[in-house]
Amino acid sequence: MCIRDRFNPTEYTLSKANQWAEVPIPGLDSPIVQFVRGQTETLSLELFFDSTEDGTGATATPVTDKTDAFYDLIKIDSDTHAPPALLFSWGGPTFPGRAVTPLYNDKAAIRQTRVLPE
């Protein structure tokens, strides 16, 4: 499935961490610290969907037509028994500075605000 939309986040966050283990040794003042493994890199961003460009009257396109497709990316696929792997593309073939590797969606939240003229 390919979801294309216009978006330009005002900011995004990339985070990555490492896991370390402390190994206590009797008689030493401090434990020995040992690298265990790297953690998953996380991309966090907020997308704003606006469907008022298509009009606000009775024939308007509901914004949920766009947000539902994104929200479905967190749901478990009945064939694979897992959510789908994702490729996030922004301003080019892949996310800037990243190799083509799949992303895995671990959470999603949708907040809807109705902004219509009365």
PDB file of N, CA and C in Angstrom:
ATOM      1  N   MET A   1       0.853  -1.168   0.000  1.00  0.00           N
ATOM      2  CA  MET A   1       0.000   0.000   0.000  1.00  0.00           C
ATOM      3  C   MET A   1       0.902   1.234   0.000  1.00  0.00           C
ATOM      4  N   CYS A   2       0.551   2.201  -0.776  1.00  0.00           N
ATOM      5  CA  CYS A   2       1.278   3.463  -0.822  1.00  0.00           C
ATOM      6  C   CYS A   2       0.319   4.585  -0.452  1.00  0.00           C
ATOM      7  N   ILE A   3       0.709   5.374   0.532  1.00  0.00           N
ATOM      8  CA  ILE A   3      -0.107   6.514   0.947  1.00  0.00           C
ATOM      9  C   ILE A   3       0.667   7.765   0.599  1.00  0.00           C
ATOM     10  N   ARG A   4       0.104   8.565  -0.261  1.00  0.00           N
ATOM     11  CA  ARG A   4       0.752   9.813  -0.649  1.00  0.00           C
ATOM     12  C   ARG A   4      -0.099  10.971  -0.152  1.00  0.00           C
ATOM     13  N   ASP A   5       0.571  11.935   0.412  1.00  0.00           N
ATOM     14  CA  ASP A   5      -0.125  13.113   0.869  1.00  0.00           C
ATOM     15  C   ASP A   5       0.857  14.256   0.955  1.00  0.00           C
ATOM     16  N   ARG A   6       0.327  15.439   1.048  1.00  0.00           N
ATOM     17  CA  ARG A   6       1.165  16.620   1.203  1.00  0.00           C
ATOM     18  C   ARG A   6       1.334  16.887   2.691  1.00  0.00           C
ATOM     19  N   PHE A   7       2.563  16.910   3.124  1.00  0.00           N
ATOM     20  CA  PHE A   7       2.818  17.259   4.513  1.00  0.00           C
ATOM     21  C   PHE A   7       4.190  17.898   4.613  1.00  0.00           C
ATOM     22  N   ASN A   8       4.334  18.744   5.580  1.00  0.00           N
ATOM     23  CA  ASN A   8       5.598  19.407   5.843  1.00  0.00           C
ATOM     24  C   ASN A   8       5.687  19.670   7.342  1.00  0.00           C
ATOM     25  N   PRO A   9       6.141  18.674   8.103  1.00  0.00           N
ATOM     26  CA  PRO A   9       6.204  18.860   9.557  1.00  0.00           C
ATOM     27  C   PRO A   9       7.092  20.047   9.928  1.00  0.00           C
ATOM     28  N   THR A  10       6.707  20.769  10.953  1.00  0.00           N
ATOM     29  CA  THR A  10       7.528  21.883  11.420  1.00  0.00           C
ATOM     30  C   THR A  10       8.762  21.363  12.136  1.00  0.00           C
ATOM     31  N   GLU A  11       8.695  20.164  12.650  1.00  0.00           N
ATOM     32  CA  GLU A  11       9.858  19.549  13.280  1.00  0.00           C
ATOM     33  C   GLU A  11       9.681  18.044  13.305  1.00  0.00           C
ATOM     34  N   TYR A  12      10.779  17.345  13.451  1.00  0.00           N
ATOM     35  CA  TYR A  12      10.761  15.906  13.649  1.00  0.00           C
ATOM     36  C   TYR A  12      11.887  15.565  14.607  1.00  0.00           C
ATOM     37  N   THR A  13      11.813  14.395  15.201  1.00  0.00           N
ATOM     38  CA  THR A  13      12.828  13.964  16.151  1.00  0.00           C
ATOM     39  C   THR A  13      13.311  12.581  15.766  1.00  0.00           C
ATOM     40  N   LEU A  14      14.607  12.429  15.653  1.00  0.00           N
ATOM     41  CA  LEU A  14      15.234  11.125  15.489  1.00  0.00           C
ATOM     42  C   LEU A  14      15.938  10.811  16.804  1.00  0.00           C
ATOM     43  N   SER A  15      15.686   9.644  17.354  1.00  0.00           N
ATOM     44  CA  SER A  15      16.362   9.280  18.587  1.00  0.00           C
ATOM     45  C   SER A  15      16.853   7.841  18.505  1.00  0.00           C
ATOM     46  N   LYS A  16      17.968   7.595  19.148  1.00  0.00           N
ATOM     47  CA  LYS A  16      18.574   6.264  19.178  1.00  0.00           C
ATOM     48  C   LYS A  16      19.307   6.119  20.496  1.00  0.00           C
ATOM     49  N   ALA A  17      19.322   4.936  21.030  1.00  0.00           N
ATOM     50  CA  ALA A  17      19.987   4.698  22.307  1.00  0.00           C
ATOM     51  C   ALA A  17      20.738   3.373  22.255  1.00  0.00           C
ATOM     52  N   ASN A  18      21.598   3.177  23.220  1.00  0.00           N
ATOM     53  CA  ASN A  18      22.321   1.923  23.390  1.00  0.00           C
ATOM     54  C   ASN A  18      21.959   1.332  24.745  1.00  0.00           C
ATOM     55  N   GLN A  19      22.052   0.017  24.829  1.00  0.00           N
ATOM     56  CA  GLN A  19      21.791  -0.660  26.094  1.00  0.00           C
ATOM     57  C   GLN A  19      23.124  -1.106  26.681  1.00  0.00           C
ATOM     58  N   TRP A  20      23.323  -0.775  27.947  1.00  0.00           N
ATOM     59  CA  TRP A  20      24.537  -1.120  28.669  1.00  0.00           C
ATOM     60  C   TRP A  20      24.163  -1.967  29.883  1.00  0.00           C
ATOM     61  N   ALA A  21      25.055  -2.828  30.292  1.00  0.00           N
ATOM     62  CA  ALA A  21      24.829  -3.645  31.484  1.00  0.00           C
ATOM     63  C   ALA A  21      25.961  -3.397  32.475  1.00  0.00           C
ATOM     64  N   GLU A  22      25.582  -3.305  33.728  1.00  0.00           N
ATOM     65  CA  GLU A  22      26.580  -3.190  34.788  1.00  0.00           C
ATOM     66  C   GLU A  22      26.823  -4.578  35.364  1.00  0.00           C
ATOM     67  N   VAL A  23      28.083  -4.987  35.392  1.00  0.00           N
ATOM     68  CA  VAL A  23      28.445  -6.296  35.926  1.00  0.00           C
ATOM     69  C   VAL A  23      29.171  -6.067  37.257  1.00  0.00           C
ATOM     70  N   PRO A  24      28.503  -6.349  38.374  1.00  0.00           N
ATOM     71  CA  PRO A  24      29.163  -6.125  39.667  1.00  0.00           C
ATOM     72  C   PRO A  24      30.228  -7.190  39.931  1.00  0.00           C
ATOM     73  N   ILE A  25      31.393  -6.767  40.343  1.00  0.00           N
ATOM     74  CA  ILE A  25      32.488  -7.664  40.691  1.00  0.00           C
ATOM     75  C   ILE A  25      32.811  -7.435  42.167  1.00  0.00           C
ATOM     76  N   PRO A  26      32.726  -8.468  42.982  1.00  0.00           N
ATOM     77  CA  PRO A  26      33.046  -8.294  44.404  1.00  0.00           C
ATOM     78  C   PRO A  26      34.467  -7.743  44.579  1.00  0.00           C
ATOM     79  N   GLY A  27      34.573  -6.739  45.422  1.00  0.00           N
ATOM     80  CA  GLY A  27      35.871  -6.154  45.718  1.00  0.00           C
ATOM     81  C   GLY A  27      36.210  -4.939  44.877  1.00  0.00           C
ATOM     82  N   LEU A  28      35.462  -4.687  43.799  1.00  0.00           N
ATOM     83  CA  LEU A  28      35.707  -3.497  42.972  1.00  0.00           C
ATOM     84  C   LEU A  28      34.839  -2.350  43.470  1.00  0.00           C
ATOM     85  N   ASP A  29      35.364  -1.137  43.352  1.00  0.00           N
ATOM     86  CA  ASP A  29      34.641   0.051  43.797  1.00  0.00           C
ATOM     87  C   ASP A  29      33.424   0.339  42.912  1.00  0.00           C
ATOM     88  N   SER A  30      33.529   0.031  41.621  1.00  0.00           N
ATOM     89  CA  SER A  30      32.443   0.280  40.653  1.00  0.00           C
ATOM     90  C   SER A  30      32.258  -0.953  39.794  1.00  0.00           C
ATOM     91  N   PRO A  31      31.031  -1.165  39.308  1.00  0.00           N
ATOM     92  CA  PRO A  31      30.824  -2.317  38.422  1.00  0.00           C
ATOM     93  C   PRO A  31      31.481  -2.078  37.066  1.00  0.00           C
ATOM     94  N   ILE A  32      31.757  -3.156  36.377  1.00  0.00           N
ATOM     95  CA  ILE A  32      32.245  -3.070  35.002  1.00  0.00           C
ATOM     96  C   ILE A  32      31.029  -2.815  34.114  1.00  0.00           C
ATOM     97  N   VAL A  33      31.173  -1.891  33.186  1.00  0.00           N
ATOM     98  CA  VAL A  33      30.079  -1.561  32.264  1.00  0.00           C
ATOM     99  C   VAL A  33      30.372  -2.223  30.928  1.00  0.00           C
ATOM    100  N   GLN A  34      29.378  -2.944  30.417  1.00  0.00           N
ATOM    101  CA  GLN A  34      29.553  -3.676  29.166  1.00  0.00           C
ATOM    102  C   GLN A  34      28.447  -3.314  28.190  1.00  0.00           C
ATOM    103  N   PHE A  35      28.830  -3.036  26.947  1.00  0.00           N
ATOM    104  CA  PHE A  35      27.851  -2.770  25.892  1.00  0.00           C
ATOM    105  C   PHE A  35      27.091  -4.052  25.597  1.00  0.00           C
ATOM    106  N   VAL A  36      25.750  -3.941  25.522  1.00  0.00           N
ATOM    107  CA  VAL A  36      24.911  -5.100  25.239  1.00  0.00           C
ATOM    108  C   VAL A  36      24.448  -5.077  23.787  1.00  0.00           C
ATOM    109  N   ARG A  37      23.756  -3.985  23.393  1.00  0.00           N
ATOM    110  CA  ARG A  37      23.268  -3.878  22.008  1.00  0.00           C
ATOM    111  C   ARG A  37      22.734  -2.478  21.768  1.00  0.00           C
ATOM    112  N   GLY A  38      22.573  -2.151  20.510  1.00  0.00           N
ATOM    113  CA  GLY A  38      21.936  -0.899  20.133  1.00  0.00           C
ATOM    114  C   GLY A  38      20.428  -1.042  20.175  1.00  0.00           C
ATOM    115  N   GLN A  39      19.754   0.050  20.451  1.00  0.00           N
ATOM    116  CA  GLN A  39      18.294   0.073  20.458  1.00  0.00           C
ATOM    117  C   GLN A  39      17.787   0.540  19.093  1.00  0.00           C
ATOM    118  N   THR A  40      16.526   0.417  18.881  1.00  0.00           N
ATOM    119  CA  THR A  40      15.902   0.836  17.642  1.00  0.00           C
ATOM    120  C   THR A  40      15.945   2.353  17.510  1.00  0.00           C
ATOM    121  N   GLU A  41      16.193   2.837  16.296  1.00  0.00           N
ATOM    122  CA  GLU A  41      16.115   4.273  16.041  1.00  0.00           C
ATOM    123  C   GLU A  41      14.645   4.651  15.888  1.00  0.00           C
ATOM    124  N   THR A  42      14.265   5.783  16.433  1.00  0.00           N
ATOM    125  CA  THR A  42      12.876   6.216  16.433  1.00  0.00           C
ATOM    126  C   THR A  42      12.730   7.541  15.708  1.00  0.00           C
ATOM    127  N   LEU A  43      11.758   7.618  14.832  1.00  0.00           N
ATOM    128  CA  LEU A  43      11.382   8.850  14.150  1.00  0.00           C
ATOM    129  C   LEU A  43      10.032   9.267  14.710  1.00  0.00           C
ATOM    130  N   SER A  44       9.946  10.478  15.231  1.00  0.00           N
ATOM    131  CA  SER A  44       8.685  11.005  15.762  1.00  0.00           C
ATOM    132  C   SER A  44       8.354  12.295  15.039  1.00  0.00           C
ATOM    133  N   LEU A  45       7.105  12.425  14.631  1.00  0.00           N
ATOM    134  CA  LEU A  45       6.666  13.652  13.992  1.00  0.00           C
ATOM    135  C   LEU A  45       5.167  13.775  14.105  1.00  0.00           C
ATOM    136  N   GLU A  46       4.695  14.971  13.917  1.00  0.00           N
ATOM    137  CA  GLU A  46       3.264  15.246  13.952  1.00  0.00           C
ATOM    138  C   GLU A  46       2.857  15.702  12.561  1.00  0.00           C
ATOM    139  N   LEU A  47       1.847  15.050  12.015  1.00  0.00           N
ATOM    140  CA  LEU A  47       1.320  15.415  10.698  1.00  0.00           C
ATOM    141  C   LEU A  47      -0.022  16.108  10.882  1.00  0.00           C
ATOM    142  N   PHE A  48      -0.243  17.149  10.127  1.00  0.00           N
ATOM    143  CA  PHE A  48      -1.492  17.905  10.176  1.00  0.00           C
ATOM    144  C   PHE A  48      -2.221  17.675   8.862  1.00  0.00           C
ATOM    145  N   PHE A  49      -3.409  17.136   8.914  1.00  0.00           N
ATOM    146  CA  PHE A  49      -4.209  16.864   7.726  1.00  0.00           C
ATOM    147  C   PHE A  49      -5.327  17.885   7.654  1.00  0.00           C
ATOM    148  N   ASP A  50      -5.466  18.492   6.498  1.00  0.00           N
ATOM    149  CA  ASP A  50      -6.491  19.516   6.296  1.00  0.00           C
ATOM    150  C   ASP A  50      -7.228  19.195   5.003  1.00  0.00           C
ATOM    151  N   SER A  51      -8.514  18.944   5.112  1.00  0.00           N
ATOM    152  CA  SER A  51      -9.290  18.633   3.913  1.00  0.00           C
ATOM    153  C   SER A  51     -10.143  19.813   3.457  1.00  0.00           C
ATOM    154  N   THR A  52      -9.992  20.974   4.100  1.00  0.00           N
ATOM    155  CA  THR A  52     -10.815  22.119   3.712  1.00  0.00           C
ATOM    156  C   THR A  52     -10.431  22.661   2.342  1.00  0.00           C
ATOM    157  N   GLU A  53      -9.260  22.280   1.845  1.00  0.00           N
ATOM    158  CA  GLU A  53      -8.852  22.688   0.501  1.00  0.00           C
ATOM    159  C   GLU A  53      -9.827  22.149  -0.552  1.00  0.00           C
ATOM    160  N   ASP A  54     -10.461  21.021  -0.245  1.00  0.00           N
ATOM    161  CA  ASP A  54     -11.428  20.406  -1.153  1.00  0.00           C
ATOM    162  C   ASP A  54     -12.824  20.989  -0.988  1.00  0.00           C
ATOM    163  N   GLY A  55     -12.981  21.971  -0.111  1.00  0.00           N
ATOM    164  CA  GLY A  55     -14.286  22.581   0.134  1.00  0.00           C
ATOM    165  C   GLY A  55     -14.810  22.207   1.503  1.00  0.00           C
ATOM    166  N   THR A  56     -15.798  22.957   1.958  1.00  0.00           N
ATOM    167  CA  THR A  56     -16.356  22.706   3.289  1.00  0.00           C
ATOM    168  C   THR A  56     -17.868  22.481   3.253  1.00  0.00           C
ATOM    169  N   GLY A  57     -18.426  22.388   2.089  1.00  0.00           N
ATOM    170  CA  GLY A  57     -19.877  22.208   1.971  1.00  0.00           C
ATOM    171  C   GLY A  57     -20.282  20.753   2.089  1.00  0.00           C
ATOM    172  N   ALA A  58     -21.473  20.469   1.614  1.00  0.00           N
ATOM    173  CA  ALA A  58     -22.030  19.116   1.711  1.00  0.00           C
ATOM    174  C   ALA A  58     -21.219  18.103   0.913  1.00  0.00           C
ATOM    175  N   THR A  59     -20.508  18.554  -0.108  1.00  0.00           N
ATOM    176  CA  THR A  59     -19.711  17.638  -0.927  1.00  0.00           C
ATOM    177  C   THR A  59     -18.246  17.584  -0.480  1.00  0.00           C
ATOM    178  N   ALA A  60     -17.943  18.133   0.681  1.00  0.00           N
ATOM    179  CA  ALA A  60     -16.568  18.158   1.182  1.00  0.00           C
ATOM    180  C   ALA A  60     -16.050  16.743   1.438  1.00  0.00           C
ATOM    181  N   THR A  61     -14.747  16.589   1.274  1.00  0.00           N
ATOM    182  CA  THR A  61     -14.099  15.318   1.569  1.00  0.00           C
ATOM    183  C   THR A  61     -13.779  15.275   3.065  1.00  0.00           C
ATOM    184  N   PRO A  62     -14.244  14.260   3.782  1.00  0.00           N
ATOM    185  CA  PRO A  62     -13.925  14.175   5.211  1.00  0.00           C
ATOM    186  C   PRO A  62     -12.421  13.971   5.419  1.00  0.00           C
ATOM    187  N   VAL A  63     -11.870  14.620   6.409  1.00  0.00           N
ATOM    188  CA  VAL A  63     -10.441  14.462   6.697  1.00  0.00           C
ATOM    189  C   VAL A  63     -10.138  13.033   7.120  1.00  0.00           C
ATOM    190  N   THR A  64     -11.132  12.325   7.628  1.00  0.00           N
ATOM    191  CA  THR A  64     -10.922  10.937   8.032  1.00  0.00           C
ATOM    192  C   THR A  64     -10.586  10.027   6.856  1.00  0.00           C
ATOM    193  N   ASP A  65     -10.925  10.435   5.630  1.00  0.00           N
ATOM    194  CA  ASP A  65     -10.502   9.659   4.457  1.00  0.00           C
ATOM    195  C   ASP A  65      -8.978   9.569   4.408  1.00  0.00           C
ATOM    196  N   LYS A  66      -8.306  10.617   4.859  1.00  0.00           N
ATOM    197  CA  LYS A  66      -6.840  10.625   4.871  1.00  0.00           C
ATOM    198  C   LYS A  66      -6.288  10.023   6.160  1.00  0.00           C
ATOM    199  N   THR A  67      -6.854  10.397   7.299  1.00  0.00           N
ATOM    200  CA  THR A  67      -6.294   9.932   8.566  1.00  0.00           C
ATOM    201  C   THR A  67      -6.530   8.442   8.801  1.00  0.00           C
ATOM    202  N   ASP A  68      -7.637   7.913   8.322  1.00  0.00           N
ATOM    203  CA  ASP A  68      -7.912   6.484   8.514  1.00  0.00           C
ATOM    204  C   ASP A  68      -6.851   5.619   7.847  1.00  0.00           C
ATOM    205  N   ALA A  69      -6.366   6.032   6.679  1.00  0.00           N
ATOM    206  CA  ALA A  69      -5.329   5.265   5.981  1.00  0.00           C
ATOM    207  C   ALA A  69      -4.042   5.223   6.801  1.00  0.00           C
ATOM    208  N   PHE A  70      -3.693   6.329   7.448  1.00  0.00           N
ATOM    209  CA  PHE A  70      -2.511   6.341   8.301  1.00  0.00           C
ATOM    210  C   PHE A  70      -2.734   5.505   9.564  1.00  0.00           C
ATOM    211  N   TYR A  71      -3.907   5.609  10.144  1.00  0.00           N
ATOM    212  CA  TYR A  71      -4.195   4.862  11.358  1.00  0.00           C
ATOM    213  C   TYR A  71      -4.197   3.355  11.101  1.00  0.00           C
ATOM    214  N   ASP A  72      -4.569   2.951   9.902  1.00  0.00           N
ATOM    215  CA  ASP A  72      -4.566   1.528   9.558  1.00  0.00           C
ATOM    216  C   ASP A  72      -3.151   0.938   9.580  1.00  0.00           C
ATOM    217  N   LEU A  73      -2.121   1.797   9.503  1.00  0.00           N
ATOM    218  CA  LEU A  73      -0.746   1.303   9.501  1.00  0.00           C
ATOM    219  C   LEU A  73      -0.310   0.728  10.845  1.00  0.00           C
ATOM    220  N   ILE A  74      -1.072   0.941  11.891  1.00  0.00           N
ATOM    221  CA  ILE A  74      -0.744   0.382  13.206  1.00  0.00           C
ATOM    222  C   ILE A  74      -1.483  -0.935  13.441  1.00  0.00           C
ATOM    223  N   LYS A  75      -2.462  -1.216  12.613  1.00  0.00           N
ATOM    224  CA  LYS A  75      -3.286  -2.410  12.817  1.00  0.00           C
ATOM    225  C   LYS A  75      -2.591  -3.666  12.299  1.00  0.00           C
ATOM    226  N   ILE A  76      -2.896  -4.773  12.946  1.00  0.00           N
ATOM    227  CA  ILE A  76      -2.253  -6.045  12.624  1.00  0.00           C
ATOM    228  C   ILE A  76      -2.877  -6.644  11.369  1.00  0.00           C
ATOM    229  N   ASP A  77      -2.021  -7.026  10.433  1.00  0.00           N
ATOM    230  CA  ASP A  77      -2.439  -7.665   9.189  1.00  0.00           C
ATOM    231  C   ASP A  77      -2.776  -9.125   9.496  1.00  0.00           C
ATOM    232  N   SER A  78      -3.939  -9.586   9.043  1.00  0.00           N
ATOM    233  CA  SER A  78      -4.372 -10.952   9.361  1.00  0.00           C
ATOM    234  C   SER A  78      -3.509 -12.017   8.682  1.00  0.00           C
ATOM    235  N   ASP A  79      -2.840 -11.692   7.572  1.00  0.00           N
ATOM    236  CA  ASP A  79      -1.985 -12.673   6.883  1.00  0.00           C
ATOM    237  C   ASP A  79      -0.612 -12.802   7.543  1.00  0.00           C
ATOM    238  N   THR A  80      -0.011 -11.669   7.914  1.00  0.00           N
ATOM    239  CA  THR A  80       1.340 -11.702   8.478  1.00  0.00           C
ATOM    240  C   THR A  80       1.346 -11.722  10.003  1.00  0.00           C
ATOM    241  N   HIS A  81       0.196 -11.432  10.608  1.00  0.00           N
ATOM    242  CA  HIS A  81       0.069 -11.360  12.073  1.00  0.00           C
ATOM    243  C   HIS A  81       0.977 -10.296  12.675  1.00  0.00           C
ATOM    244  N   ALA A  82       1.197  -9.227  11.919  1.00  0.00           N
ATOM    245  CA  ALA A  82       2.026  -8.103  12.365  1.00  0.00           C
ATOM    246  C   ALA A  82       1.584  -6.856  11.607  1.00  0.00           C
ATOM    247  N   PRO A  83       1.862  -5.685  12.160  1.00  0.00           N
ATOM    248  CA  PRO A  83       1.593  -4.464  11.389  1.00  0.00           C
ATOM    249  C   PRO A  83       2.562  -4.397  10.205  1.00  0.00           C
ATOM    250  N   PRO A  84       2.223  -3.635   9.178  1.00  0.00           N
ATOM    251  CA  PRO A  84       3.104  -3.575   8.013  1.00  0.00           C
ATOM    252  C   PRO A  84       4.388  -2.800   8.304  1.00  0.00           C
ATOM    253  N   ALA A  85       5.463  -3.177   7.608  1.00  0.00           N
ATOM    254  CA  ALA A  85       6.698  -2.391   7.637  1.00  0.00           C
ATOM    255  C   ALA A  85       6.467  -1.172   6.754  1.00  0.00           C
ATOM    256  N   LEU A  86       7.091  -0.056   7.083  1.00  0.00           N
ATOM    257  CA  LEU A  86       6.855   1.195   6.379  1.00  0.00           C
ATOM    258  C   LEU A  86       8.141   1.738   5.791  1.00  0.00           C
ATOM    259  N   LEU A  87       8.033   2.524   4.752  1.00  0.00           N
ATOM    260  CA  LEU A  87       9.139   3.311   4.221  1.00  0.00           C
ATOM    261  C   LEU A  87       8.663   4.744   4.197  1.00  0.00           C
ATOM    262  N   PHE A  88       9.322   5.603   4.945  1.00  0.00           N
ATOM    263  CA  PHE A  88       8.936   7.001   5.044  1.00  0.00           C
ATOM    264  C   PHE A  88       9.752   7.795   4.044  1.00  0.00           C
ATOM    265  N   SER A  89       9.085   8.479   3.147  1.00  0.00           N
ATOM    266  CA  SER A  89       9.755   9.264   2.112  1.00  0.00           C
ATOM    267  C   SER A  89       9.346  10.715   2.261  1.00  0.00           C
ATOM    268  N   TRP A  90      10.342  11.601   2.241  1.00  0.00           N
ATOM    269  CA  TRP A  90      10.067  13.020   2.430  1.00  0.00           C
ATOM    270  C   TRP A  90      11.098  13.821   1.660  1.00  0.00           C
ATOM    271  N   GLY A  91      10.679  14.480   0.596  1.00  0.00           N
ATOM    272  CA  GLY A  91      11.573  15.323  -0.184  1.00  0.00           C
ATOM    273  C   GLY A  91      12.583  14.569  -1.010  1.00  0.00           C
ATOM    274  N   GLY A  92      12.380  13.315  -1.252  1.00  0.00           N
ATOM    275  CA  GLY A  92      13.318  12.526  -2.036  1.00  0.00           C
ATOM    276  C   GLY A  92      12.932  11.066  -1.964  1.00  0.00           C
ATOM    277  N   PRO A  93      13.783  10.212  -2.509  1.00  0.00           N
ATOM    278  CA  PRO A  93      13.433   8.790  -2.539  1.00  0.00           C
ATOM    279  C   PRO A  93      13.350   8.141  -1.158  1.00  0.00           C
ATOM    280  N   THR A  94      14.124   8.621  -0.188  1.00  0.00           N
ATOM    281  CA  THR A  94      14.056   8.085   1.173  1.00  0.00           C
ATOM    282  C   THR A  94      14.235   9.228   2.147  1.00  0.00           C
ATOM    283  N   PHE A  95      13.996   8.953   3.407  1.00  0.00           N
ATOM    284  CA  PHE A  95      14.155   9.986   4.429  1.00  0.00           C
ATOM    285  C   PHE A  95      15.601  10.465   4.434  1.00  0.00           C
ATOM    286  N   PRO A  96      15.845  11.775   4.528  1.00  0.00           N
ATOM    287  CA  PRO A  96      17.210  12.314   4.407  1.00  0.00           C
ATOM    288  C   PRO A  96      18.203  11.654   5.360  1.00  0.00           C
ATOM    289  N   GLY A  97      19.324  11.218   4.794  1.00  0.00           N
ATOM    290  CA  GLY A  97      20.404  10.669   5.598  1.00  0.00           C
ATOM    291  C   GLY A  97      20.213   9.235   6.031  1.00  0.00           C
ATOM    292  N   ARG A  98      19.200   8.572   5.551  1.00  0.00           N
ATOM    293  CA  ARG A  98      18.932   7.208   5.988  1.00  0.00           C
ATOM    294  C   ARG A  98      18.977   6.252   4.805  1.00  0.00           C
ATOM    295  N   ALA A  99      19.447   5.055   5.072  1.00  0.00           N
ATOM    296  CA  ALA A  99      19.430   4.006   4.058  1.00  0.00           C
ATOM    297  C   ALA A  99      17.993   3.517   3.895  1.00  0.00           C
ATOM    298  N   VAL A 100      17.752   2.804   2.825  1.00  0.00           N
ATOM    299  CA  VAL A 100      16.411   2.269   2.595  1.00  0.00           C
ATOM    300  C   VAL A 100      16.224   1.058   3.503  1.00  0.00           C
ATOM    301  N   THR A 101      15.659   1.296   4.665  1.00  0.00           N
ATOM    302  CA  THR A 101      15.355   0.222   5.602  1.00  0.00           C
ATOM    303  C   THR A 101      13.913   0.406   6.044  1.00  0.00           C
ATOM    304  N   PRO A 102      13.245  -0.679   6.355  1.00  0.00           N
ATOM    305  CA  PRO A 102      11.844  -0.538   6.767  1.00  0.00           C
ATOM    306  C   PRO A 102      11.719   0.120   8.136  1.00  0.00           C
ATOM    307  N   LEU A 103      10.628   0.824   8.311  1.00  0.00           N
ATOM    308  CA  LEU A 103      10.268   1.398   9.599  1.00  0.00           C
ATOM    309  C   LEU A 103       9.140   0.562  10.166  1.00  0.00           C
ATOM    310  N   TYR A 104       9.058   0.506  11.483  1.00  0.00           N
ATOM    311  CA  TYR A 104       8.000  -0.243  12.120  1.00  0.00           C
ATOM    312  C   TYR A 104       7.238   0.696  13.033  1.00  0.00           C
ATOM    313  N   ASN A 105       5.954   0.787  12.809  1.00  0.00           N
ATOM    314  CA  ASN A 105       5.102   1.707  13.543  1.00  0.00           C
ATOM    315  C   ASN A 105       4.757   1.095  14.895  1.00  0.00           C
ATOM    316  N   ASP A 106       5.191   1.747  15.991  1.00  0.00           N
ATOM    317  CA  ASP A 106       4.879   1.183  17.295  1.00  0.00           C
ATOM    318  C   ASP A 106       3.750   1.910  18.008  1.00  0.00           C
ATOM    319  N   LYS A 107       3.362   3.091  17.521  1.00  0.00           N
ATOM    320  CA  LYS A 107       2.188   3.742  18.087  1.00  0.00           C
ATOM    321  C   LYS A 107       1.686   4.826  17.145  1.00  0.00           C
ATOM    322  N   ALA A 108       0.415   5.108  17.282  1.00  0.00           N
ATOM    323  CA  ALA A 108      -0.216   6.146  16.472  1.00  0.00           C
ATOM    324  C   ALA A 108      -1.320   6.787  17.295  1.00  0.00           C
ATOM    325  N   ALA A 109      -1.511   8.060  17.099  1.00  0.00           N
ATOM    326  CA  ALA A 109      -2.586   8.778  17.774  1.00  0.00           C
ATOM    327  C   ALA A 109      -3.151   9.788  16.791  1.00  0.00           C
ATOM    328  N   ILE A 110      -4.441   9.933  16.809  1.00  0.00           N
ATOM    329  CA  ILE A 110      -5.103  10.901  15.932  1.00  0.00           C
ATOM    330  C   ILE A 110      -5.936  11.833  16.798  1.00  0.00           C
ATOM    331  N   ARG A 111      -5.687  13.124  16.648  1.00  0.00           N
ATOM    332  CA  ARG A 111      -6.474  14.156  17.328  1.00  0.00           C
ATOM    333  C   ARG A 111      -7.179  14.942  16.238  1.00  0.00           C
ATOM    334  N   GLN A 112      -8.469  15.037  16.320  1.00  0.00           N
ATOM    335  CA  GLN A 112      -9.230  15.744  15.302  1.00  0.00           C
ATOM    336  C   GLN A 112      -9.763  17.050  15.868  1.00  0.00           C
ATOM    337  N   THR A 113      -9.595  18.098  15.095  1.00  0.00           N
ATOM    338  CA  THR A 113     -10.105  19.411  15.441  1.00  0.00           C
ATOM    339  C   THR A 113     -10.950  19.898  14.280  1.00  0.00           C
ATOM    340  N   ARG A 114     -12.135  20.270  14.568  1.00  0.00           N
ATOM    341  CA  ARG A 114     -13.013  20.766  13.502  1.00  0.00           C
ATOM    342  C   ARG A 114     -12.885  22.267  13.419  1.00  0.00           C
ATOM    343  N   VAL A 115     -12.455  22.722  12.260  1.00  0.00           N
ATOM    344  CA  VAL A 115     -12.294  24.144  12.033  1.00  0.00           C
ATOM    345  C   VAL A 115     -13.080  24.488  10.770  1.00  0.00           C
ATOM    346  N   LEU A 116     -14.301  24.882  10.955  1.00  0.00           N
ATOM    347  CA  LEU A 116     -15.153  25.223   9.828  1.00  0.00           C
ATOM    348  C   LEU A 116     -15.837  26.567  10.098  1.00  0.00           C
ATOM    349  N   PRO A 117     -16.066  27.326   9.052  1.00  0.00           N
ATOM    350  CA  PRO A 117     -16.828  28.549   9.256  1.00  0.00           C
ATOM    351  C   PRO A 117     -18.266  28.208   9.622  1.00  0.00           C
ATOM    352  N   GLU A 118     -18.861  29.028  10.452  1.00  0.00           N
ATOM    353  CA  GLU A 118     -20.236  28.740  10.876  1.00  0.00           C
ATOM    354  C   GLU A 118     -21.251  29.310   9.942  1.00  0.00           C
TER     355      GLU A 118
END
